[in-house]
């Protein structure tokens, strides 16, 4: 069976990093890990090709070669998912769809033309799909019916199908699921509340497969909460550390974790020694009342600022997500986020307006209350530039304007340099370097030429061309003196604002366009004073 895998196009998002990727001559931040995992679960005698639409277009020869088209994507990719399904059907090709979007909303109109809907986790549903194909069936819908697979049998993904040079980082997965019950999160809907993990041997085999293909750059461990199963994470980390030592630490790691990572010194030490250089935290908001409303009680048990500083002290850079628009939220939420980010110094602070994702606790509650605005959810999917898809408890224009103002302030060039400089005065020394053995390293002695050119471009723009020049050089001098071990990472982090300069304009434009299309809000009903209420 000649199988063509297609990964749909992403719109511009906080994480698309186009301007940064252009500097280093790469196309995309991350590869489609789900599709290459599906490819490993299908019969290996099938012929397979993969096209990531974020890298290039599908060629006509590839359409002509295919006997089956497999498409997977997230909600934010649904527009292009529909386009690719249509192109395949126009050529008379059978189409199978799966992934987070199809699993959460299998009856979505974008998926109407698909012949096969392979829902939920592929370890369970792909065998059913394969049996149907072998029986000659032309359509089908396959669901796990609430069952969750044991991922210790999941094979090494088919990384060989990827155009590796196009990506800035590679992806691997250790665990699925999260033990918490945040009302707005769809992770527990898709993967459950009991984190299931691979064995250390499995994960090491995936790293070795990438190493054997020549990969020597960053790895994103895509777990939605890497420490959801702390016991198994602590069994994995020593294996990664030893593997890294034996090969001269060829990979750096980034992952996602809950804020309670900060309370586990042993875990942070192990991560730092394995060369985990960054972690994404779902902080959401510094407003404790909003955290409680959202069911994110784990973020209220200790100081969020202290937690950020504690993780930072281990040499692990903190990235964080923030949300505006929670029920009962008081005015000034955007400003409070800006002040929190400025105090902690978090460089990459992702912001978005709250979205009710399908089948989450928030979705069901708002549906019951009659507050969902379904057409907004159906319009573009979920992105950082979408208005809320429900009726909030305060004026939507106030929320949207606060969001735009906060985002633009966070990534104003001078403010960004000040924040990143403040942050890197606190970043701990990279602990993995104590175990680095140069004789085991096959890294080239000099950085790749693309990286050198990118660095020169950033220095020219921020250090000479723009009004940031004075701050830029003062900041370089300050970090070179106070934290020289992290100077390279500091400059790389400064470079990230090349993306946000453009994305600030995207956020402003798209939010303003949506606000202009809204009907005018009714004027507030004037309250009557006690004097007016007195009988005449």
Protein backbone atom coordinates (compact mmCIF):
# COMPACT_ATOMS: atom_id res chain seq x y z
CA UNK A 1 0.00 0.00 0.00
CA UNK A 2 1.62 3.23 -1.17
CA UNK A 3 0.78 5.61 1.70
CA UNK A 4 1.20 9.37 1.53
CA UNK A 5 1.24 11.13 4.90
CA UNK A 6 0.32 14.83 4.84
CA UNK A 7 0.78 17.22 7.74
CA UNK A 8 -1.40 20.34 7.30
CA UNK A 9 -0.15 23.90 7.38
CA UNK A 10 -0.10 25.99 10.56
CA UNK A 11 -1.18 29.63 10.58
CA UNK A 12 1.24 32.10 12.15
CA UNK A 13 1.34 31.53 15.89
CA UNK A 14 3.39 32.49 18.94
CA UNK A 15 5.53 29.40 18.34
CA UNK A 16 5.98 29.61 14.56
CA UNK A 17 9.21 31.63 14.90
CA UNK A 18 9.43 32.34 11.16
CA UNK A 19 11.93 35.19 11.45
CA UNK A 20 14.26 33.18 13.67
CA UNK A 21 14.07 30.13 11.45
CA UNK A 22 14.83 32.23 8.39
CA UNK A 23 18.04 33.39 10.03
CA UNK A 24 19.30 29.81 10.46
CA UNK A 25 17.90 28.58 7.11
CA UNK A 26 15.32 26.22 8.58
CA UNK A 27 11.65 25.93 7.71
CA UNK A 28 9.82 24.72 10.81
CA UNK A 29 10.34 24.52 14.55
CA UNK A 30 9.11 20.94 15.11
CA UNK A 31 8.23 17.86 13.02
CA UNK A 32 4.91 15.94 12.96
CA UNK A 33 5.74 13.36 15.65
CA UNK A 34 2.22 11.91 15.55
CA UNK A 35 2.45 11.03 11.86
CA UNK A 36 5.86 9.40 12.07
CA UNK A 37 4.57 7.39 15.04
CA UNK A 38 1.54 6.31 12.99
CA UNK A 39 3.93 5.32 10.20
CA UNK A 40 5.79 3.06 12.65
CA UNK A 41 2.51 1.43 13.74
CA UNK A 42 1.38 0.61 10.20
CA UNK A 43 2.62 -2.50 8.35
CA UNK A 44 6.27 -1.90 7.55
CA UNK A 45 6.01 -3.53 4.14
CA UNK A 46 3.79 -0.62 3.05
CA UNK A 47 5.62 2.02 1.00
CA UNK A 48 5.50 5.41 2.72
CA UNK A 49 6.21 9.06 1.95
CA UNK A 50 5.60 12.08 4.16
CA UNK A 51 5.03 15.70 3.20
CA UNK A 52 4.94 18.39 5.87
CA UNK A 53 3.02 21.27 4.30
CA UNK A 54 4.89 23.65 6.59
CA UNK A 55 8.07 22.64 4.77
CA UNK A 56 6.85 22.34 1.16
CA UNK A 57 3.90 21.63 -1.12
CA UNK A 58 2.77 18.15 -2.10
CA UNK A 59 4.12 17.44 -5.57
CA UNK A 60 1.84 16.16 -8.31
CA UNK A 61 4.04 13.10 -8.70
CA UNK A 62 3.43 12.26 -5.04
CA UNK A 63 -0.34 12.51 -5.48
CA UNK A 64 -0.05 10.23 -8.51
CA UNK A 65 2.12 7.73 -6.59
CA UNK A 66 -0.25 7.43 -3.61
CA UNK A 67 -2.84 4.72 -3.08
CA UNK A 68 -3.86 5.99 0.39
CA UNK A 69 -3.61 9.42 2.01
CA UNK A 70 -3.25 9.76 5.79
CA UNK A 71 -3.75 13.21 7.34
CA UNK A 72 -3.43 14.20 10.98
CA UNK A 73 -3.48 17.56 12.72
CA UNK A 74 -4.52 19.79 15.57
CA UNK A 75 -7.50 22.13 15.78
CA UNK A 76 -5.42 25.09 14.65
CA UNK A 77 -4.58 23.18 11.42
CA UNK A 78 -8.14 22.27 10.51
CA UNK A 79 -8.52 24.75 7.62
CA UNK A 80 -5.64 23.29 5.65
CA UNK A 81 -6.64 19.80 6.75
CA UNK A 82 -9.93 20.29 4.91
CA UNK A 83 -8.11 21.60 1.83
CA UNK A 84 -5.79 18.58 1.66
CA UNK A 85 -8.66 16.14 2.14
CA UNK A 86 -10.44 17.84 -0.75
CA UNK A 87 -7.37 17.62 -2.99
CA UNK A 88 -6.99 13.91 -2.27
CA UNK A 89 -10.66 13.18 -2.94
CA UNK A 90 -10.55 15.19 -6.18
CA UNK A 91 -7.91 12.71 -7.33
CA UNK A 92 -10.02 9.73 -6.29
CA UNK A 93 -7.78 8.76 -3.36
CA UNK A 94 -9.08 7.23 -0.12
CA UNK A 95 -8.34 9.42 2.91
CA UNK A 96 -7.81 8.45 6.55
CA UNK A 97 -7.78 11.17 9.21
CA UNK A 98 -6.77 11.11 12.85
CA UNK A 99 -4.98 13.09 15.53
CA UNK A 100 -6.20 15.58 18.16
CA UNK A 101 -8.66 17.48 15.93
CA UNK A 102 -10.36 14.39 14.52
CA UNK A 103 -10.42 12.67 17.91
CA UNK A 104 -12.01 15.62 19.71
CA UNK A 105 -14.50 16.57 16.96
CA UNK A 106 -14.90 13.61 14.56
CA UNK A 107 -18.09 15.05 13.03
CA UNK A 108 -16.55 18.43 12.19
CA UNK A 109 -17.50 19.62 8.68
CA UNK A 110 -13.81 19.84 7.71
CA UNK A 111 -13.60 16.05 8.00
CA UNK A 112 -16.81 15.25 6.14
CA UNK A 113 -15.09 13.93 3.00
CA UNK A 114 -12.68 11.62 4.83
CA UNK A 115 -13.28 7.91 4.20
CA UNK A 116 -11.70 6.63 7.41
CA UNK A 117 -11.67 8.28 10.83
CA UNK A 118 -9.01 6.67 13.00
CA UNK A 119 -9.67 8.28 16.37
CA UNK A 120 -8.01 8.33 19.77
CA UNK A 121 -4.63 6.65 20.28
CA UNK A 122 -3.30 4.69 17.33
CA UNK A 123 -1.96 1.75 19.29
CA UNK A 124 -5.61 0.69 19.73
CA UNK A 125 -7.36 1.99 16.64
CA UNK A 126 -4.78 1.55 13.88
CA UNK A 127 -4.97 -2.28 14.03
CA UNK A 128 -8.72 -1.96 13.47
CA UNK A 129 -8.09 0.32 10.51
CA UNK A 130 -5.51 -2.07 9.04
CA UNK A 131 -7.94 -5.00 9.32
CA UNK A 132 -10.60 -2.96 7.50
CA UNK A 133 -8.16 -2.09 4.71
CA UNK A 134 -7.13 -5.73 4.36
CA UNK A 135 -10.81 -6.75 4.11
CA UNK A 136 -11.21 -4.30 1.26
CA UNK A 137 -13.55 -1.94 3.11
CA UNK A 138 -13.83 1.57 1.67
CA UNK A 139 -14.76 3.48 4.82
CA UNK A 140 -14.90 3.17 8.58
CA UNK A 141 -14.76 4.87 11.95
CA UNK A 142 -12.55 3.42 14.65
CA UNK A 143 -12.61 4.49 18.30
CA UNK A 144 -10.87 3.27 21.45
CA UNK A 145 -14.13 3.68 23.42
CA UNK A 146 -12.33 5.16 26.39
CA UNK A 147 -9.53 2.59 26.53
CA UNK A 148 -5.95 3.82 26.87
CA UNK A 149 -3.06 1.78 25.44
CA UNK A 150 0.06 0.59 27.22
CA UNK A 151 2.71 2.66 25.42
CA UNK A 152 5.55 0.32 26.37
CA UNK A 153 4.83 -1.47 23.08
CA UNK A 154 4.95 1.65 20.90
CA UNK A 155 7.71 1.33 18.26
CA UNK A 156 10.41 3.86 17.45
CA UNK A 157 8.86 6.55 15.19
CA UNK A 158 9.82 6.59 11.52
CA UNK A 159 12.09 9.64 11.79
CA UNK A 160 13.66 8.60 8.49
CA UNK A 161 10.55 9.86 6.66
CA UNK A 162 11.28 13.45 7.73
CA UNK A 163 13.28 16.05 5.83
CA UNK A 164 15.51 16.53 8.87
CA UNK A 165 17.36 19.62 7.63
CA UNK A 166 14.07 21.56 7.56
CA UNK A 167 13.55 21.40 11.33
CA UNK A 168 15.08 23.36 14.16
CA UNK A 169 14.27 20.71 16.78
CA UNK A 170 13.20 17.07 16.84
CA UNK A 171 10.38 15.64 18.97
CA UNK A 172 10.13 12.54 21.11
CA UNK A 173 7.48 11.48 23.64
CA UNK A 174 7.93 9.70 26.96
CA UNK A 175 4.51 9.98 28.61
CA UNK A 176 0.85 10.64 27.82
CA UNK A 177 -1.70 12.03 30.25
CA UNK A 178 -1.68 14.39 33.24
CA UNK A 179 -2.84 13.84 36.84
CA UNK A 180 -4.42 17.29 37.25
CA UNK A 181 -7.94 18.48 36.39
CA UNK A 182 -7.61 21.95 34.88
CA UNK A 183 -11.07 22.81 33.58
CA UNK A 184 -9.91 24.30 30.27
CA UNK A 185 -7.35 21.64 29.30
CA UNK A 186 -8.05 18.92 26.73
CA UNK A 187 -5.05 16.74 27.61
CA UNK A 188 -6.99 14.72 30.15
CA UNK A 189 -9.82 14.39 27.60
CA UNK A 190 -7.49 13.00 24.94
CA UNK A 191 -5.02 11.05 27.06
CA UNK A 192 -6.52 10.59 30.53
CA UNK A 193 -5.48 11.50 34.06
CA UNK A 194 -3.22 8.51 34.65
CA UNK A 195 0.14 9.28 33.01
CA UNK A 196 1.42 6.33 31.00
CA UNK A 197 5.10 6.17 30.15
CA UNK A 198 7.44 4.35 27.86
CA UNK A 199 10.40 2.50 29.35
CA UNK A 200 13.78 4.22 29.58
CA UNK A 201 15.05 1.71 27.01
CA UNK A 202 12.37 2.80 24.52
CA UNK A 203 13.18 6.48 24.86
CA UNK A 204 16.91 5.84 24.58
CA UNK A 205 16.26 3.81 21.41
CA UNK A 206 14.45 6.83 19.92
CA UNK A 207 17.36 9.13 20.78
CA UNK A 208 19.77 6.64 19.24
CA UNK A 209 17.67 6.46 16.08
CA UNK A 210 17.90 10.24 15.70
CA UNK A 211 21.60 10.18 16.49
CA UNK A 212 22.18 7.50 13.84
CA UNK A 213 20.37 9.68 11.29
CA UNK A 214 22.89 12.44 12.02
CA UNK A 215 20.76 14.65 14.24
CA UNK A 216 22.85 16.85 16.60
CA UNK A 217 20.51 19.64 17.65
CA UNK A 218 17.72 20.22 20.13
CA UNK A 219 15.10 17.70 21.23
CA UNK A 220 11.62 18.67 22.44
CA UNK A 221 10.20 16.07 24.80
CA UNK A 222 6.56 16.72 23.93
CA UNK A 223 4.98 15.31 27.12
CA UNK A 224 2.25 17.64 28.32
CA UNK A 225 3.54 17.09 31.85
CA UNK A 226 6.91 15.35 31.93
CA UNK A 227 6.73 14.95 35.72
CA UNK A 228 3.15 13.64 35.75
CA UNK A 229 4.64 10.27 36.71
CA UNK A 230 7.59 11.40 38.83
CA UNK A 231 8.79 7.91 39.65
CA UNK A 232 9.18 6.92 36.01
CA UNK A 233 10.68 10.28 35.04
CA UNK A 234 13.36 9.74 37.67
CA UNK A 235 14.07 6.31 36.23
CA UNK A 236 14.49 7.80 32.75
CA UNK A 237 16.73 10.77 33.54
CA UNK A 238 19.84 8.83 34.65
CA UNK A 239 19.61 6.78 31.44
CA UNK A 240 19.51 9.96 29.33
CA UNK A 241 22.43 11.44 31.29
CA UNK A 242 24.60 8.37 30.75
CA UNK A 243 23.69 8.21 27.05
CA UNK A 244 24.58 11.90 26.71
CA UNK A 245 27.91 11.50 28.52
CA UNK A 246 28.93 8.62 26.27
CA UNK A 247 28.31 10.73 23.13
CA UNK A 248 29.50 14.13 24.30
CA UNK A 249 26.03 15.58 25.07
CA UNK A 250 24.87 15.89 21.43
CA UNK A 251 21.31 16.90 22.38
CA UNK A 252 19.76 19.63 24.50
CA UNK A 253 16.23 19.03 25.80
CA UNK A 254 13.12 21.13 26.33
CA UNK A 255 9.87 19.85 27.83
CA UNK A 256 6.65 20.82 29.61
CA UNK A 257 5.95 20.34 33.29
CA UNK A 258 3.65 21.44 36.07
CA UNK A 259 4.80 24.18 38.45
CA UNK A 260 5.32 21.69 41.28
CA UNK A 261 8.60 20.79 39.56
CA UNK A 262 10.02 23.62 41.66
CA UNK A 263 9.43 21.64 44.86
CA UNK A 264 11.51 18.65 43.73
CA UNK A 265 15.22 19.48 43.91
CA UNK A 266 16.19 15.93 42.98
CA UNK A 267 14.15 16.06 39.77
CA UNK A 268 15.57 19.44 38.77
CA UNK A 269 19.12 18.29 39.48
CA UNK A 270 18.62 15.18 37.35
CA UNK A 271 17.09 17.20 34.51
CA UNK A 272 19.91 19.74 34.59
CA UNK A 273 22.56 17.00 34.50
CA UNK A 274 20.82 15.34 31.53
CA UNK A 275 20.96 18.73 29.74
CA UNK A 276 17.36 19.86 29.97
CA UNK A 277 17.89 23.51 29.10
CA UNK A 278 14.30 24.77 29.19
CA UNK A 279 10.86 23.88 30.54
CA UNK A 280 7.43 25.26 29.68
CA UNK A 281 5.13 25.92 32.65
CA UNK A 282 1.39 26.52 32.46
CA UNK A 283 1.29 29.41 34.92
CA UNK A 284 -1.88 30.86 33.28
CA UNK A 285 -2.33 33.85 35.61
CA UNK A 286 -0.94 35.35 38.81
CA UNK A 287 -4.56 35.82 40.01
CA UNK A 288 -5.19 33.11 42.58
CA UNK A 289 -8.98 33.47 42.33
CA UNK A 290 -8.86 32.77 38.57
CA UNK A 291 -6.63 29.75 39.13
CA UNK A 292 -9.18 28.33 41.56
CA UNK A 293 -12.06 28.97 39.13
CA UNK A 294 -10.11 27.09 36.44
CA UNK A 295 -9.41 24.15 38.73
CA UNK A 296 -5.65 24.78 38.56
CA UNK A 297 -5.20 24.35 42.30
CA UNK A 298 -1.63 23.05 41.94
CA UNK A 299 -0.57 26.61 41.04
CA UNK A 300 -1.94 28.03 44.30
CA UNK A 301 0.05 25.87 46.72
CA UNK A 302 3.24 27.92 46.66
CA UNK A 303 4.53 31.24 45.38
CA UNK A 304 4.62 31.24 41.58
CA UNK A 305 7.46 33.77 41.57
CA UNK A 306 9.52 31.66 43.95
CA UNK A 307 8.82 28.59 41.81
CA UNK A 308 10.11 30.30 38.67
CA UNK A 309 13.24 31.48 40.47
CA UNK A 310 13.87 28.04 41.96
CA UNK A 311 13.75 26.27 38.58
CA UNK A 312 15.87 29.03 37.03
CA UNK A 313 18.56 28.55 39.70
CA UNK A 314 19.18 25.03 38.37
CA UNK A 315 20.12 26.44 34.97
CA UNK A 316 16.78 25.51 33.41
CA UNK A 317 15.21 28.35 31.44
CA UNK A 318 11.52 28.86 32.18
CA UNK A 319 8.98 29.49 29.43
CA UNK A 320 5.38 30.02 30.46
CA UNK A 321 1.82 30.23 29.20
CA UNK A 322 -0.65 32.88 30.36
CA UNK A 323 -4.40 33.18 29.78
CA UNK A 324 -6.76 36.14 30.06
CA UNK A 325 -10.56 35.89 30.21
CA UNK A 326 -11.34 33.62 33.16
CA UNK A 327 -14.75 33.84 34.79
CA UNK A 328 -14.86 36.44 37.54
CA UNK A 329 -11.60 37.98 36.39
CA UNK A 330 -11.15 41.59 37.52
CA UNK A 331 -10.06 44.46 35.28
CA UNK A 332 -6.32 44.85 34.83
CA UNK A 333 -5.59 41.13 34.37
CA UNK A 334 -3.30 41.88 31.41
CA UNK A 335 -1.34 44.42 33.40
CA UNK A 336 -0.95 41.97 36.30
CA UNK A 337 0.50 39.40 33.89
CA UNK A 338 2.96 41.97 32.53
CA UNK A 339 4.09 42.89 36.03
CA UNK A 340 4.48 39.23 37.00
CA UNK A 341 6.52 38.44 33.88
CA UNK A 342 8.68 41.53 34.40
CA UNK A 343 9.39 40.63 38.03
CA UNK A 344 10.31 37.03 37.25
CA UNK A 345 12.04 37.89 33.97
CA UNK A 346 10.49 34.96 32.04
CA UNK A 347 11.71 35.55 28.44
CA UNK A 348 9.10 33.56 26.47
CA UNK A 349 5.70 34.41 27.93
CA UNK A 350 2.97 33.04 25.66
CA UNK A 351 -0.37 34.83 26.05
CA UNK A 352 -3.80 34.02 24.71
CA UNK A 353 -7.46 34.56 25.43
CA UNK A 354 -9.27 31.66 27.05
CA UNK A 355 -10.77 29.14 24.63
CA UNK A 356 -13.31 26.44 25.45
CA UNK A 357 -11.86 23.35 23.78
CA UNK A 358 -14.21 20.54 22.72
CA UNK A 359 -15.33 18.15 25.44
CA UNK A 360 -13.32 19.80 28.22
CA UNK A 361 -14.91 20.57 31.56
CA UNK A 362 -15.04 24.23 30.56
CA UNK A 363 -16.78 23.37 27.28
CA UNK A 364 -19.48 21.31 28.99
CA UNK A 365 -20.05 23.91 31.72
CA UNK A 366 -20.38 26.80 29.27
CA UNK A 367 -22.60 24.73 27.00
CA UNK A 368 -24.89 24.01 29.93
CA UNK A 369 -24.94 27.72 30.81
CA UNK A 370 -25.74 28.67 27.19
CA UNK A 371 -22.56 30.74 26.87
CA UNK A 372 -20.72 28.97 24.04
CA UNK A 373 -20.39 30.91 20.77
CA UNK A 374 -19.90 27.90 18.51
CA UNK A 375 -19.40 29.80 15.28
CA UNK A 376 -16.28 31.44 16.72
CA UNK A 377 -14.78 28.09 17.59
CA UNK A 378 -15.57 26.82 14.10
CA UNK A 379 -14.12 29.81 12.27
CA UNK A 380 -10.36 29.41 12.60
CA UNK A 381 -9.65 26.90 15.29
CA UNK A 382 -7.63 27.84 18.35
CA UNK A 383 -4.85 30.39 18.10
CA UNK A 384 -3.37 33.18 20.20
CA UNK A 385 -5.18 35.70 18.00
CA UNK A 386 -8.71 34.34 18.47
CA UNK A 387 -11.29 36.10 20.60
CA UNK A 388 -12.95 34.03 23.29
CA UNK A 389 -15.43 31.51 21.89
CA UNK A 390 -17.89 32.06 24.74
CA UNK A 391 -19.65 34.93 26.49
CA UNK A 392 -17.27 36.10 29.25
CA UNK A 393 -18.20 37.62 32.60
CA UNK A 394 -16.78 41.03 31.67
CA UNK A 395 -16.87 42.97 28.39
CA UNK A 396 -15.06 41.14 25.63
CA UNK A 397 -13.56 44.38 24.31
CA UNK A 398 -11.95 45.04 27.68
CA UNK A 399 -10.42 41.57 27.68
CA UNK A 400 -9.19 41.83 24.08
CA UNK A 401 -7.73 45.31 24.49
CA UNK A 402 -5.97 44.29 27.69
CA UNK A 403 -4.54 41.29 25.88
CA UNK A 404 -3.19 43.30 22.94
CA UNK A 405 -1.74 45.95 25.25
CA UNK A 406 -0.07 43.34 27.47
CA UNK A 407 1.40 41.36 24.58
CA UNK A 408 2.80 44.44 22.88
CA UNK A 409 4.34 45.69 26.14
CA UNK A 410 5.96 42.32 26.84
CA UNK A 411 7.72 42.27 23.47
CA UNK A 412 8.57 45.96 23.08
CA UNK A 413 12.26 45.66 22.10
CA UNK A 414 13.78 47.64 24.97
CA UNK A 415 11.50 46.10 27.58
CA UNK A 416 12.33 42.63 26.24
CA UNK A 417 16.08 43.21 26.54
CA UNK A 418 15.65 44.50 30.10
CA UNK A 419 13.57 41.47 31.07
CA UNK A 420 15.89 38.90 29.52
CA UNK A 421 18.91 40.58 31.10
CA UNK A 422 17.23 40.51 34.51
CA UNK A 423 16.40 36.85 33.99
CA UNK A 424 19.91 35.79 32.97
CA UNK A 425 21.42 37.33 36.08
CA UNK A 426 19.53 34.55 37.92
CA UNK A 427 20.07 31.55 35.61
CA UNK A 428 22.21 28.88 37.23
CA UNK A 429 25.36 27.44 35.68
CA UNK A 430 24.66 24.61 33.20
CA UNK A 431 25.18 21.55 35.41
CA UNK A 432 25.58 19.09 32.56
CA UNK A 433 28.94 20.64 31.65
CA UNK A 434 30.51 19.03 34.73
CA UNK A 435 29.97 15.64 33.01
CA UNK A 436 30.88 16.69 29.47
CA UNK A 437 33.75 14.74 27.94
CA UNK A 438 35.19 16.44 24.90
CA UNK A 439 36.76 13.22 23.66
CA UNK A 440 33.27 11.71 23.27
CA UNK A 441 31.90 14.63 21.32
CA UNK A 442 31.63 14.54 17.53
CA UNK A 443 30.40 18.13 17.35
CA UNK A 444 32.30 20.36 14.94
CA UNK A 445 34.77 22.71 16.66
CA UNK A 446 32.95 25.78 15.31
CA UNK A 447 29.22 26.58 15.10
CA UNK A 448 27.57 26.00 11.69
CA UNK A 449 27.95 28.91 9.28
CA UNK A 450 24.17 29.50 9.31
CA UNK A 451 24.31 30.06 13.07
CA UNK A 452 27.24 32.46 12.73
CA UNK A 453 25.41 34.47 10.06
CA UNK A 454 22.26 34.53 12.21
CA UNK A 455 24.23 35.81 15.19
CA UNK A 456 25.82 38.53 13.08
CA UNK A 457 22.39 39.61 11.79
CA UNK A 458 20.95 39.84 15.30
CA UNK A 459 23.96 41.83 16.53
CA UNK A 460 23.62 44.22 13.58
CA UNK A 461 19.88 44.76 14.08
CA UNK A 462 19.74 45.01 17.87
CA UNK A 463 23.25 46.35 18.53
CA UNK A 464 23.61 48.92 15.75
CA UNK A 465 20.51 49.52 13.61
CA UNK A 466 17.75 49.96 16.20
CA UNK A 467 17.30 52.23 19.19
CA UNK A 468 18.07 49.19 21.34
CA UNK A 469 21.79 49.55 20.61
CA UNK A 470 22.81 51.04 23.97
CA UNK A 471 20.76 48.54 26.00
CA UNK A 472 22.01 45.66 23.88
CA UNK A 473 25.70 46.29 24.51
CA UNK A 474 25.22 47.13 28.18
CA UNK A 475 23.29 43.89 28.63
CA UNK A 476 25.95 41.85 26.81
CA UNK A 477 28.61 43.33 29.07
CA UNK A 478 26.53 42.70 32.21
CA UNK A 479 25.87 39.01 31.47
CA UNK A 480 29.45 38.46 30.25
CA UNK A 481 30.63 39.66 33.66
CA UNK A 482 27.99 38.13 35.93
CA UNK A 483 26.99 34.90 34.16
CA UNK A 484 29.52 34.10 31.40
CA UNK A 485 28.56 30.40 31.33
CA UNK A 486 25.14 31.40 29.94
CA UNK A 487 26.23 34.20 27.60
CA UNK A 488 25.60 32.18 24.44
CA UNK A 489 22.09 31.22 25.54
CA UNK A 490 21.45 34.84 26.53
CA UNK A 491 22.24 36.08 23.02
CA UNK A 492 20.09 33.32 21.49
CA UNK A 493 17.19 34.37 23.74
CA UNK A 494 17.62 38.00 22.68
CA UNK A 495 17.40 36.81 19.07
CA UNK A 496 13.95 35.35 19.69
CA UNK A 497 12.46 38.83 19.75
CA UNK A 498 13.06 39.05 16.00
CA UNK A 499 9.98 36.85 15.67
CA UNK A 500 7.91 38.74 18.22
CA UNK A 501 8.50 42.08 16.53
CA UNK A 502 6.45 40.83 13.60
CA UNK A 503 4.04 38.79 15.70
CA UNK A 504 3.08 41.85 17.79
CA UNK A 505 1.71 43.40 14.62
CA UNK A 506 -0.12 40.15 13.73
CA UNK A 507 -1.77 40.04 17.16
CA UNK A 508 -2.82 43.68 16.99
CA UNK A 509 -4.19 43.48 13.45
CA UNK A 510 -6.14 40.23 13.85
CA UNK A 511 -7.68 41.16 17.20
CA UNK A 512 -8.72 44.59 15.91
CA UNK A 513 -10.31 43.01 12.83
CA UNK A 514 -12.38 40.67 15.00
CA UNK A 515 -13.41 43.46 17.36
CA UNK A 516 -14.55 45.65 14.47
CA UNK A 517 -16.89 42.86 13.33
CA UNK A 518 -18.62 42.59 16.71
CA UNK A 519 -21.99 44.27 17.25
CA UNK A 520 -21.86 47.29 19.57
CA UNK A 521 -22.25 46.46 23.23
CA UNK A 522 -25.42 47.80 24.87
CA UNK A 523 -24.82 50.78 27.16
CA UNK A 524 -24.71 49.90 30.85
CA UNK A 525 -27.93 50.33 32.77
CA UNK A 526 -27.53 53.40 35.02
CA UNK A 527 -27.88 52.61 38.69
CA UNK A 528 -30.40 54.64 40.69
CA UNK A 529 -29.26 56.55 43.74
CA UNK A 530 -31.08 56.31 47.06
CA UNK A 531 -32.42 59.81 46.47
CA UNK A 532 -34.00 58.75 43.15
CA UNK A 533 -35.63 55.77 44.85
CA UNK A 534 -37.49 57.90 47.42
CA UNK A 535 -41.24 58.22 46.79
CA UNK A 536 -42.45 61.57 45.57
